[in-house]
Amino acid sequence: MRNQILIVDDEASIRTSLKGVLQDEGYEVCSAQNGQEALEMIKHEPPDMVLLDIWMPGPDGIETLSKIKEIAPQVEVVMISGHGSIETAVRATKLGAYDFLEKPLSLDKTVLIVQHALDKRRLEQENIKLRHEMEKDYEIIGNSKIIRELKEQVELVAPSEGRALIYGENGTGKELIARNIHWLSHRKNGPFVAVNCAAIPDELIESELFGHEKGAFTGATNIRYGKFEQAHGGTLFLDEIGDMSPKTQSKVLRVIEEQVFERVGGSKKIEVDVRLIAASNKDLEQEIKASNFREDLFYRLHVVPFTAPPLRERREDIALLAEQFLKELCFRNGKKPMSLSKAALKAMVEHSWPGNVRELKNILERMVIMVPDQVIQLEHIPPSIAKPAKADPWSEETGSLKEAREQFEREFLLRKLKENNGNVAQTARQLQIERSHLHRKLKAYGISLKE
């Protein structure tokens, strides 16, 4: 489809000459002799760009530009002026004009500016498309009660500037929650920068976060911009913040309080505007008691807490997740659509998934690559998932240490419930845990009070 250009000028000769030149360049061109006519045309079918004269009878170019940006903000506008002023140029730029052309027009310069304006529009459209595709890739999938409540919490918190702290086991989708908070906030057009604090050595974490000046240390041959600077105007996600050293914690606390920092080896104060979201698979309150985490930083981050639920606590979402993952993975690997047999799906639903959603996706990717058929059968699934769980936690057929621990915990909870005649509150007190936490445990292990 050819780019559409609208020429708006009260001089017929200008309209005619511009139209001829741009049509020769392969563009689809239409014209209007005043601002009102142009606005009616744009309401009916917005063009890709507008060449707009500033001085016209009726609504002048500045007024017309303002209304164009209200009707169709994505349209690029280049102003044409025979006797413009700096003040007029500033006003037009603030209203969103891309550039200026001075009369008498240079046709070569006109063609070049049109090309640049349309290139800018194309790149913006591609960025929007990529952003939508990324948002789809990071969609929170699930219809379980716990996921519906999580989505509602994200939608409620996202428009605010509140810092968030996300708890959850590895593979539960903590970054997914952070990205959704970002995309539903007013910072959505700003950057989202993620840092895995556990993956960066202590001696490099400060340079990674705050950047460094040239010559700050051996090997620092250039200025490096840290993650805080990269996230300016957007969101910084600090994953596994519980693994951050106390020294770095104190510097992060200062940035939160003052919104300023210095690069490693520098003295210049750098101001930043970032929304901070942190995540941890550790119990940070226990880390505070063990003197591994700063209490003041914890309360700065713990404005809005979230919990990414483990997959075993939302088994009803496994079928939906598997369907979505299979669709994506088949497309990426150039395979025909694949599905799970009833027996295979049942085994997956019953599996404890110690690696959570990440483990599920990895297993499905392996199946997409390795299974030649379009239906994944029970025999295609790894034995550790296909085998039914054993009642004896010490059975030789028990899989991983985590599975053995879960089996033991289930038997232990059953015994304690029996000792307390099925009284959940009394059992929770005896185990020194919250009643709600015990309820979640019972639900995760499929324990009813009738057992």
Protein backbone atom coordinates (compact mmCIF):
# COMPACT_ATOMS: atom_id res chain seq x y z
CA MET A 1 0.00 0.00 0.00
CA ARG A 2 1.38 3.43 -1.02
CA ASN A 3 1.87 6.22 1.51
CA GLN A 4 -0.85 8.87 1.44
CA ILE A 5 0.10 12.55 1.61
CA LEU A 6 -2.28 15.49 2.04
CA ILE A 7 -1.17 18.92 0.77
CA VAL A 8 -2.92 21.89 2.43
CA ASP A 9 -2.22 25.30 0.85
CA ASP A 10 -4.41 28.17 -0.38
CA GLU A 11 -2.12 28.65 -3.42
CA ALA A 12 -3.25 26.41 -6.29
CA SER A 13 0.19 26.54 -7.95
CA ILE A 14 1.87 25.17 -4.80
CA ARG A 15 -0.66 22.36 -4.55
CA THR A 16 -0.24 21.44 -8.21
CA SER A 17 3.57 21.46 -8.25
CA LEU A 18 3.91 19.52 -5.01
CA LYS A 19 1.33 16.97 -6.08
CA GLY A 20 3.13 16.34 -9.37
CA VAL A 21 6.55 15.89 -7.74
CA LEU A 22 5.29 13.58 -4.98
CA GLN A 23 3.22 11.46 -7.38
CA ASP A 24 6.36 11.02 -9.49
CA GLU A 25 8.04 9.67 -6.32
CA GLY A 26 5.32 7.02 -6.02
CA TYR A 27 3.16 8.60 -3.31
CA GLU A 28 -0.62 8.80 -3.29
CA VAL A 29 -1.45 12.52 -3.03
CA CYS A 30 -4.58 14.55 -2.34
CA SER A 31 -4.98 18.25 -1.57
CA ALA A 32 -7.10 20.81 0.27
CA GLN A 33 -7.22 24.59 -0.19
CA ASN A 34 -7.84 25.48 3.49
CA GLY A 35 -7.66 24.10 6.98
CA GLN A 36 -11.37 23.33 7.36
CA GLU A 37 -11.44 21.24 4.18
CA ALA A 38 -8.30 19.40 5.32
CA LEU A 39 -9.80 18.57 8.73
CA GLU A 40 -12.92 17.10 7.11
CA MET A 41 -10.75 14.91 4.89
CA ILE A 42 -8.63 13.76 7.84
CA LYS A 43 -11.73 12.87 9.88
CA HIS A 44 -12.93 10.71 7.01
CA GLU A 45 -9.57 9.04 6.20
CA PRO A 46 -6.35 10.11 7.96
CA PRO A 47 -3.34 10.28 5.59
CA ASP A 48 0.18 9.20 6.57
CA MET A 49 1.44 12.77 6.54
CA VAL A 50 0.36 16.36 5.85
CA LEU A 51 2.21 19.23 4.18
CA LEU A 52 0.53 22.23 5.82
CA ASP A 53 0.86 25.92 4.96
CA ILE A 54 1.00 28.21 7.99
CA TRP A 55 -0.58 31.34 6.50
CA MET A 56 -4.07 30.59 5.14
CA PRO A 57 -7.48 32.26 5.42
CA GLY A 58 -9.86 30.71 7.93
CA PRO A 59 -8.14 28.49 10.47
CA ASP A 60 -4.44 29.13 9.93
CA GLY A 61 -1.79 26.41 9.88
CA ILE A 62 -1.07 26.51 13.62
CA GLU A 63 -4.75 26.14 14.53
CA THR A 64 -5.18 23.40 11.91
CA LEU A 65 -2.08 21.58 13.22
CA SER A 66 -3.51 21.61 16.73
CA LYS A 67 -6.79 20.08 15.55
CA ILE A 68 -5.02 17.49 13.37
CA LYS A 69 -3.10 16.27 16.43
CA GLU A 70 -6.39 15.97 18.33
CA ILE A 71 -8.09 14.01 15.53
CA ALA A 72 -5.17 11.87 14.34
CA PRO A 73 -2.06 12.26 16.56
CA GLN A 74 -0.18 9.59 14.61
CA VAL A 75 -0.14 11.70 11.40
CA GLU A 76 3.18 13.43 10.68
CA VAL A 77 2.86 17.13 9.79
CA VAL A 78 5.43 19.26 7.95
CA MET A 79 4.76 23.00 8.00
CA ILE A 80 5.21 25.27 4.95
CA SER A 81 5.96 28.95 5.53
CA GLY A 82 6.91 31.92 3.37
CA HIS A 83 7.65 34.27 6.26
CA GLY A 84 7.71 32.36 9.48
CA SER A 85 9.23 33.43 12.78
CA ILE A 86 11.13 31.61 15.51
CA GLU A 87 8.11 32.03 17.81
CA THR A 88 5.85 30.39 15.23
CA ALA A 89 8.33 27.56 14.73
CA VAL A 90 8.51 26.91 18.48
CA ARG A 91 4.72 26.86 18.79
CA ALA A 92 4.39 24.43 15.88
CA THR A 93 7.11 22.15 17.26
CA LYS A 94 5.42 22.04 20.66
CA LEU A 95 2.17 21.08 18.93
CA GLY A 96 3.91 18.16 17.22
CA ALA A 97 5.11 19.41 13.82
CA TYR A 98 7.87 17.22 12.37
CA ASP A 99 9.74 19.90 10.37
CA PHE A 100 9.50 23.13 8.33
CA LEU A 101 9.79 23.96 4.63
CA GLU A 102 10.39 27.53 3.52
CA LYS A 103 8.97 29.12 0.37
CA PRO A 104 10.08 29.19 -2.34
CA LEU A 105 10.19 25.42 -1.99
CA SER A 106 13.23 23.37 -2.90
CA LEU A 107 11.72 20.26 -4.46
CA ASP A 108 14.75 18.10 -3.60
CA LYS A 109 14.62 19.18 0.03
CA THR A 110 10.85 18.64 0.08
CA VAL A 111 11.18 15.06 -1.16
CA LEU A 112 13.94 14.35 1.40
CA ILE A 113 11.92 15.71 4.36
CA VAL A 114 8.84 13.76 3.24
CA GLN A 115 10.94 10.57 3.13
CA HIS A 116 12.32 11.21 6.61
CA ALA A 117 8.89 12.00 8.06
CA LEU A 118 7.39 8.82 6.58
CA ASP A 119 10.37 6.77 7.81
CA LYS A 120 9.73 8.10 11.32
CA ARG A 121 6.06 7.17 11.09
CA ARG A 122 6.92 3.67 9.81
CA LEU A 123 9.36 3.09 12.67
CA GLU A 124 6.78 4.26 15.21
CA GLN A 125 4.19 1.87 13.76
CA GLU A 126 6.70 -0.98 13.86
CA ASN A 127 7.52 -0.16 17.49
CA ILE A 128 3.82 -0.17 18.38
CA LYS A 129 3.40 -3.53 16.65
CA LEU A 130 6.43 -4.99 18.43
CA ARG A 131 5.19 -3.65 21.75
CA HIS A 132 1.80 -5.30 21.22
CA GLU A 133 3.51 -8.58 20.32
CA MET A 134 5.69 -8.35 23.44
CA GLU A 135 2.68 -7.59 25.61
CA LYS A 136 0.98 -10.68 24.20
CA ASP A 137 4.10 -12.76 24.94
CA TYR A 138 4.04 -11.53 28.54
CA GLU A 139 0.30 -11.92 29.13
CA ILE A 140 -0.69 -13.40 32.50
CA ILE A 141 -2.48 -16.60 31.45
CA GLY A 142 -5.06 -18.28 33.67
CA ASN A 143 -8.67 -18.21 34.84
CA SER A 144 -8.19 -19.63 38.33
CA LYS A 145 -9.45 -17.56 41.25
CA ILE A 146 -5.95 -16.81 42.48
CA ILE A 147 -4.89 -15.53 39.02
CA ARG A 148 -8.06 -13.46 38.54
CA GLU A 149 -7.37 -11.79 41.89
CA LEU A 150 -3.75 -11.19 40.88
CA LYS A 151 -4.80 -9.53 37.59
CA GLU A 152 -7.26 -7.30 39.47
CA GLN A 153 -4.51 -6.29 41.90
CA VAL A 154 -2.14 -5.45 39.01
CA GLU A 155 -4.80 -3.31 37.30
CA LEU A 156 -5.49 -1.49 40.56
CA VAL A 157 -1.86 -0.76 41.42
CA ALA A 158 -0.38 -0.12 37.95
CA PRO A 159 -1.69 3.46 37.41
CA SER A 160 -0.09 4.60 40.68
CA GLU A 161 3.56 5.38 41.35
CA GLY A 162 3.71 2.92 44.25
CA ARG A 163 6.73 0.65 44.50
CA ALA A 164 5.94 -3.06 44.45
CA LEU A 165 7.61 -6.13 45.94
CA ILE A 166 6.80 -9.44 44.29
CA TYR A 167 7.30 -12.71 46.15
CA GLY A 168 7.35 -16.12 44.53
CA GLU A 169 9.29 -19.27 43.83
CA ASN A 170 11.59 -19.51 40.83
CA GLY A 171 9.68 -19.88 37.58
CA THR A 172 6.35 -18.51 38.84
CA GLY A 173 6.41 -15.41 36.62
CA LYS A 174 7.53 -12.56 38.88
CA GLU A 175 8.94 -10.62 35.91
CA LEU A 176 5.64 -11.21 34.11
CA ILE A 177 3.80 -9.40 36.90
CA ALA A 178 6.33 -6.55 36.84
CA ARG A 179 5.97 -6.10 33.07
CA ASN A 180 2.17 -6.01 33.33
CA ILE A 181 2.37 -3.34 36.03
CA HIS A 182 4.63 -1.32 33.70
CA TRP A 183 2.43 -1.70 30.61
CA LEU A 184 -0.72 -0.70 32.48
CA SER A 185 0.95 2.39 33.95
CA HIS A 186 1.43 5.87 32.51
CA ARG A 187 5.10 4.90 32.04
CA LYS A 188 4.21 2.28 29.41
CA ASN A 189 5.96 4.23 26.63
CA GLY A 190 9.11 4.47 28.72
CA PRO A 191 11.72 1.72 29.08
CA PHE A 192 11.29 -1.44 31.15
CA VAL A 193 14.72 -2.51 32.40
CA ALA A 194 15.20 -5.82 34.23
CA VAL A 195 18.21 -6.76 36.37
CA ASN A 196 18.76 -10.21 37.87
CA CYS A 197 20.68 -9.35 41.03
CA ALA A 198 21.52 -13.01 41.68
CA ALA A 199 23.28 -13.37 38.32
CA ILE A 200 25.71 -10.46 38.76
CA PRO A 201 28.87 -10.80 40.93
CA ASP A 202 29.09 -8.46 43.92
CA GLU A 203 32.08 -6.63 42.45
CA LEU A 204 30.10 -5.76 39.28
CA ILE A 205 26.61 -5.04 40.60
CA GLU A 206 27.25 -1.35 41.38
CA SER A 207 28.65 -0.70 37.91
CA GLU A 208 25.67 -2.55 36.43
CA LEU A 209 23.14 -0.48 38.36
CA PHE A 210 24.78 2.94 38.49
CA GLY A 211 27.23 2.83 35.57
CA HIS A 212 30.85 3.98 35.76
CA GLU A 213 33.08 6.76 34.52
CA LYS A 214 35.97 6.24 32.13
CA GLY A 215 39.02 5.15 34.12
CA ALA A 216 37.01 4.27 37.25
CA PHE A 217 38.82 0.92 37.41
CA THR A 218 41.05 -1.29 35.29
CA GLY A 219 39.23 -2.05 32.05
CA ALA A 220 36.83 0.93 32.28
CA THR A 221 37.84 2.41 28.93
CA ASN A 222 34.54 4.22 28.34
CA ILE A 223 31.65 5.72 30.24
CA ARG A 224 29.01 3.08 31.02
CA TYR A 225 25.39 4.04 31.62
CA GLY A 226 23.87 1.95 34.39
CA LYS A 227 20.43 0.40 34.62
CA PHE A 228 19.02 3.31 36.63
CA GLU A 229 19.90 5.75 33.83
CA GLN A 230 18.62 3.34 31.18
CA ALA A 231 15.29 3.10 33.01
CA HIS A 232 14.83 6.89 33.29
CA GLY A 233 11.17 7.73 32.63
CA GLY A 234 10.20 4.08 32.92
CA THR A 235 10.39 1.10 35.27
CA LEU A 236 13.39 -0.68 36.82
CA PHE A 237 12.80 -4.28 37.87
CA LEU A 238 15.27 -5.66 40.42
CA ASP A 239 14.79 -9.42 40.38
CA GLU A 240 16.06 -11.54 43.29
CA ILE A 241 16.89 -8.45 45.31
CA GLY A 242 17.42 -10.66 48.35
CA ASP A 243 20.78 -11.65 46.83
CA MET A 244 22.03 -8.05 46.67
CA SER A 245 24.98 -7.20 48.90
CA PRO A 246 24.34 -4.93 51.95
CA LYS A 247 26.65 -2.27 50.49
CA THR A 248 24.65 -2.08 47.25
CA GLN A 249 21.39 -2.16 49.22
CA SER A 250 22.41 1.06 50.97
CA LYS A 251 23.09 2.78 47.63
CA VAL A 252 19.75 1.64 46.19
CA LEU A 253 18.05 2.99 49.31
CA ARG A 254 19.68 6.37 48.73
CA VAL A 255 18.47 6.49 45.12
CA ILE A 256 14.93 5.66 46.26
CA GLU A 257 15.01 8.45 48.84
CA GLU A 258 16.73 11.14 46.79
CA GLN A 259 16.27 10.07 43.14
CA VAL A 260 19.94 10.92 42.56
CA PHE A 261 23.14 8.88 42.37
CA GLU A 262 26.73 9.01 41.16
CA ARG A 263 28.41 6.70 38.68
CA VAL A 264 31.20 4.52 40.02
CA GLY A 265 34.36 6.66 39.95
CA GLY A 266 32.39 9.87 39.44
CA SER A 267 31.23 12.80 41.55
CA LYS A 268 28.51 14.27 39.32
CA LYS A 269 24.98 14.01 40.74
CA ILE A 270 22.67 12.31 38.24
CA GLU A 271 18.91 12.69 38.69
CA VAL A 272 16.62 9.86 37.62
CA ASP A 273 12.88 9.30 37.48
CA VAL A 274 12.17 5.58 37.77
CA ARG A 275 9.48 3.41 39.25
CA LEU A 276 11.09 0.59 41.19
CA ILE A 277 9.66 -2.94 41.29
CA ALA A 278 11.57 -5.64 43.15
CA ALA A 279 11.14 -9.39 43.47
CA SER A 280 12.52 -12.17 45.62
CA ASN A 281 12.15 -15.91 46.11
CA LYS A 282 13.42 -15.45 49.68
CA ASP A 283 11.50 -14.49 52.80
CA LEU A 284 12.96 -11.00 53.20
CA GLU A 285 11.65 -10.62 56.73
CA GLN A 286 13.65 -13.69 57.70
CA GLU A 287 16.63 -12.23 55.81
CA ILE A 288 16.29 -9.07 57.94
CA LYS A 289 16.41 -11.16 61.13
CA ALA A 290 19.53 -12.88 59.78
CA SER A 291 21.07 -9.42 59.08
CA ASN A 292 21.24 -10.17 55.36
CA PHE A 293 18.77 -7.48 54.25
CA ARG A 294 18.26 -3.88 55.32
CA GLU A 295 15.01 -3.30 57.17
CA ASP A 296 14.72 0.30 55.94
CA LEU A 297 15.10 -0.80 52.31
CA PHE A 298 12.51 -3.53 52.84
CA TYR A 299 9.89 -1.03 53.99
CA ARG A 300 10.73 1.31 51.10
CA LEU A 301 10.10 -1.51 48.63
CA HIS A 302 7.23 -3.19 50.46
CA VAL A 303 4.64 -0.55 49.53
CA VAL A 304 2.45 -2.96 47.55
CA PRO A 305 3.23 -6.67 47.99
CA PHE A 306 2.35 -9.25 45.34
CA THR A 307 2.63 -13.03 45.41
CA ALA A 308 3.26 -15.03 42.24
CA PRO A 309 1.46 -18.31 43.02
CA PRO A 310 3.23 -21.62 42.35
CA LEU A 311 1.74 -23.72 39.57
CA ARG A 312 0.67 -26.46 42.00
CA GLU A 313 -1.71 -23.95 43.62
CA ARG A 314 -3.47 -23.23 40.31
CA ARG A 315 -3.62 -26.58 38.59
CA GLU A 316 -6.84 -25.58 36.80
CA ASP A 317 -4.72 -23.20 34.67
CA ILE A 318 -2.36 -25.91 33.39
CA ALA A 319 -4.56 -26.89 30.42
CA LEU A 320 -4.87 -23.25 29.31
CA LEU A 321 -1.14 -22.61 29.75
CA ALA A 322 -0.24 -25.78 27.85
CA GLU A 323 -2.54 -24.85 24.97
CA GLN A 324 -1.06 -21.36 24.69
CA PHE A 325 2.54 -22.56 24.99
CA LEU A 326 2.03 -25.28 22.37
CA LYS A 327 0.57 -22.74 19.97
CA GLU A 328 3.55 -20.37 20.41
CA LEU A 329 6.20 -23.10 20.36
CA CYS A 330 4.82 -24.82 17.26
CA PHE A 331 4.77 -21.51 15.42
CA ARG A 332 8.35 -20.64 16.44
CA ASN A 333 9.65 -24.09 15.52
CA GLY A 334 7.79 -24.29 12.21
CA LYS A 335 5.68 -27.26 13.36
CA LYS A 336 2.05 -28.05 12.68
CA PRO A 337 -0.32 -27.37 15.62
CA MET A 338 0.08 -29.92 18.42
CA SER A 339 -2.08 -30.91 21.36
CA LEU A 340 -1.96 -33.12 24.47
CA SER A 341 -3.91 -36.36 24.81
CA LYS A 342 -6.28 -36.61 27.77
CA ALA A 343 -3.91 -38.96 29.57
CA ALA A 344 -0.92 -36.71 28.98
CA LEU A 345 -2.81 -33.61 30.16
CA LYS A 346 -4.06 -35.48 33.26
CA ALA A 347 -0.49 -36.44 34.17
CA MET A 348 0.63 -32.83 33.75
CA VAL A 349 -2.20 -31.52 35.90
CA GLU A 350 -1.32 -33.99 38.66
CA HIS A 351 2.42 -33.20 38.58
CA SER A 352 3.75 -30.95 41.38
CA TRP A 353 5.85 -28.75 38.99
CA PRO A 354 8.69 -27.74 41.33
CA GLY A 355 10.03 -25.54 38.51
CA ASN A 356 6.58 -23.97 38.06
CA VAL A 357 5.47 -22.35 34.76
CA ARG A 358 9.04 -22.21 33.46
CA GLU A 359 9.39 -25.98 33.87
CA LEU A 360 6.04 -26.57 32.13
CA LYS A 361 7.07 -24.45 29.14
CA ASN A 362 10.48 -26.14 28.90
CA ILE A 363 8.92 -29.63 28.94
CA LEU A 364 6.43 -28.63 26.22
CA GLU A 365 9.21 -27.15 24.10
CA ARG A 366 11.06 -30.46 24.34
CA MET A 367 7.91 -32.30 23.25
CA VAL A 368 7.36 -29.96 20.29
CA ILE A 369 10.92 -30.60 19.11
CA MET A 370 11.10 -34.34 19.80
CA VAL A 371 7.59 -35.71 19.18
CA PRO A 372 6.89 -36.41 15.47
CA ASP A 373 3.10 -36.70 15.91
CA GLN A 374 0.60 -33.88 16.32
CA VAL A 375 -0.81 -35.38 19.52
CA ILE A 376 1.51 -35.71 22.51
CA GLN A 377 0.76 -39.01 24.25
CA LEU A 378 1.46 -40.11 27.82
CA GLU A 379 4.45 -42.18 26.69
CA HIS A 380 6.07 -39.05 25.22
CA ILE A 381 6.15 -37.30 28.59
CA PRO A 382 9.19 -37.68 30.87
CA PRO A 383 8.73 -40.53 33.41
CA SER A 384 9.14 -38.11 36.33
CA ILE A 385 5.92 -36.41 35.21
CA ALA A 386 4.00 -39.39 33.80
CA LYS A 387 4.40 -41.56 36.93
CA PRO A 388 1.74 -41.20 39.65
CA ALA A 389 2.98 -39.85 42.99
CA LYS A 390 3.87 -42.49 45.58
CA ALA A 391 2.30 -42.41 49.02
CA ASP A 392 5.58 -43.41 50.70
CA PRO A 393 7.91 -40.39 50.79
CA TRP A 394 10.91 -42.70 51.15
CA SER A 395 10.05 -44.88 48.14
CA GLU A 396 12.94 -45.67 45.81
CA GLU A 397 10.81 -44.36 42.95
CA THR A 398 10.55 -40.91 44.45
CA GLY A 399 12.03 -38.39 41.98
CA SER A 400 13.78 -35.23 43.12
CA LEU A 401 14.55 -34.10 46.64
CA LYS A 402 11.79 -31.48 46.29
CA GLU A 403 9.24 -34.18 45.38
CA ALA A 404 10.32 -36.29 48.36
CA ARG A 405 9.99 -33.25 50.63
CA GLU A 406 6.50 -32.49 49.29
CA GLN A 407 5.38 -36.07 49.82
CA PHE A 408 6.74 -36.01 53.37
CA GLU A 409 5.04 -32.67 54.04
CA ARG A 410 1.70 -34.02 52.84
CA GLU A 411 1.94 -37.03 55.16
CA PHE A 412 3.04 -34.78 58.01
CA LEU A 413 0.06 -32.42 57.52
CA LEU A 414 -2.35 -35.36 57.38
CA ARG A 415 -0.97 -36.70 60.66
CA LYS A 416 -1.16 -33.31 62.40
CA LEU A 417 -4.74 -32.77 61.22
CA LYS A 418 -5.67 -36.18 62.55
CA GLU A 419 -4.05 -35.38 65.93
CA ASN A 420 -6.18 -32.20 66.08
CA ASN A 421 -9.39 -33.90 64.91
CA GLY A 422 -9.42 -31.96 61.66
CA ASN A 423 -9.34 -28.56 63.40
CA VAL A 424 -7.45 -26.30 60.95
CA ALA A 425 -7.02 -23.36 63.33
CA GLN A 426 -5.61 -25.57 66.09
CA THR A 427 -3.31 -27.35 63.62
CA ALA A 428 -2.03 -24.00 62.28
CA ARG A 429 -1.23 -22.84 65.84
CA GLN A 430 0.61 -26.08 66.57
CA LEU A 431 2.63 -25.71 63.34
CA GLN A 432 3.23 -22.00 64.06
CA ILE A 433 1.95 -20.85 60.66
CA GLU A 434 -0.91 -18.62 59.53
CA ARG A 435 -4.26 -20.37 59.11
CA SER A 436 -4.56 -19.01 55.54
CA HIS A 437 -1.12 -20.44 54.74
CA LEU A 438 -2.19 -23.86 56.03
CA HIS A 439 -5.36 -23.70 53.93
CA ARG A 440 -3.23 -23.04 50.83
CA LYS A 441 -0.99 -25.98 51.71
CA LEU A 442 -3.98 -28.30 52.12
CA LYS A 443 -5.43 -27.16 48.80
CA ALA A 444 -2.06 -27.56 47.02
CA TYR A 445 -1.71 -31.13 48.25
CA GLY A 446 -5.35 -32.00 47.55
CA ILE A 447 -6.09 -32.66 51.23
CA SER A 448 -9.71 -32.40 52.29
CA LEU A 449 -10.74 -32.31 55.95
CA LYS A 450 -12.57 -35.59 55.46
CA GLU A 451 -9.30 -37.53 55.00
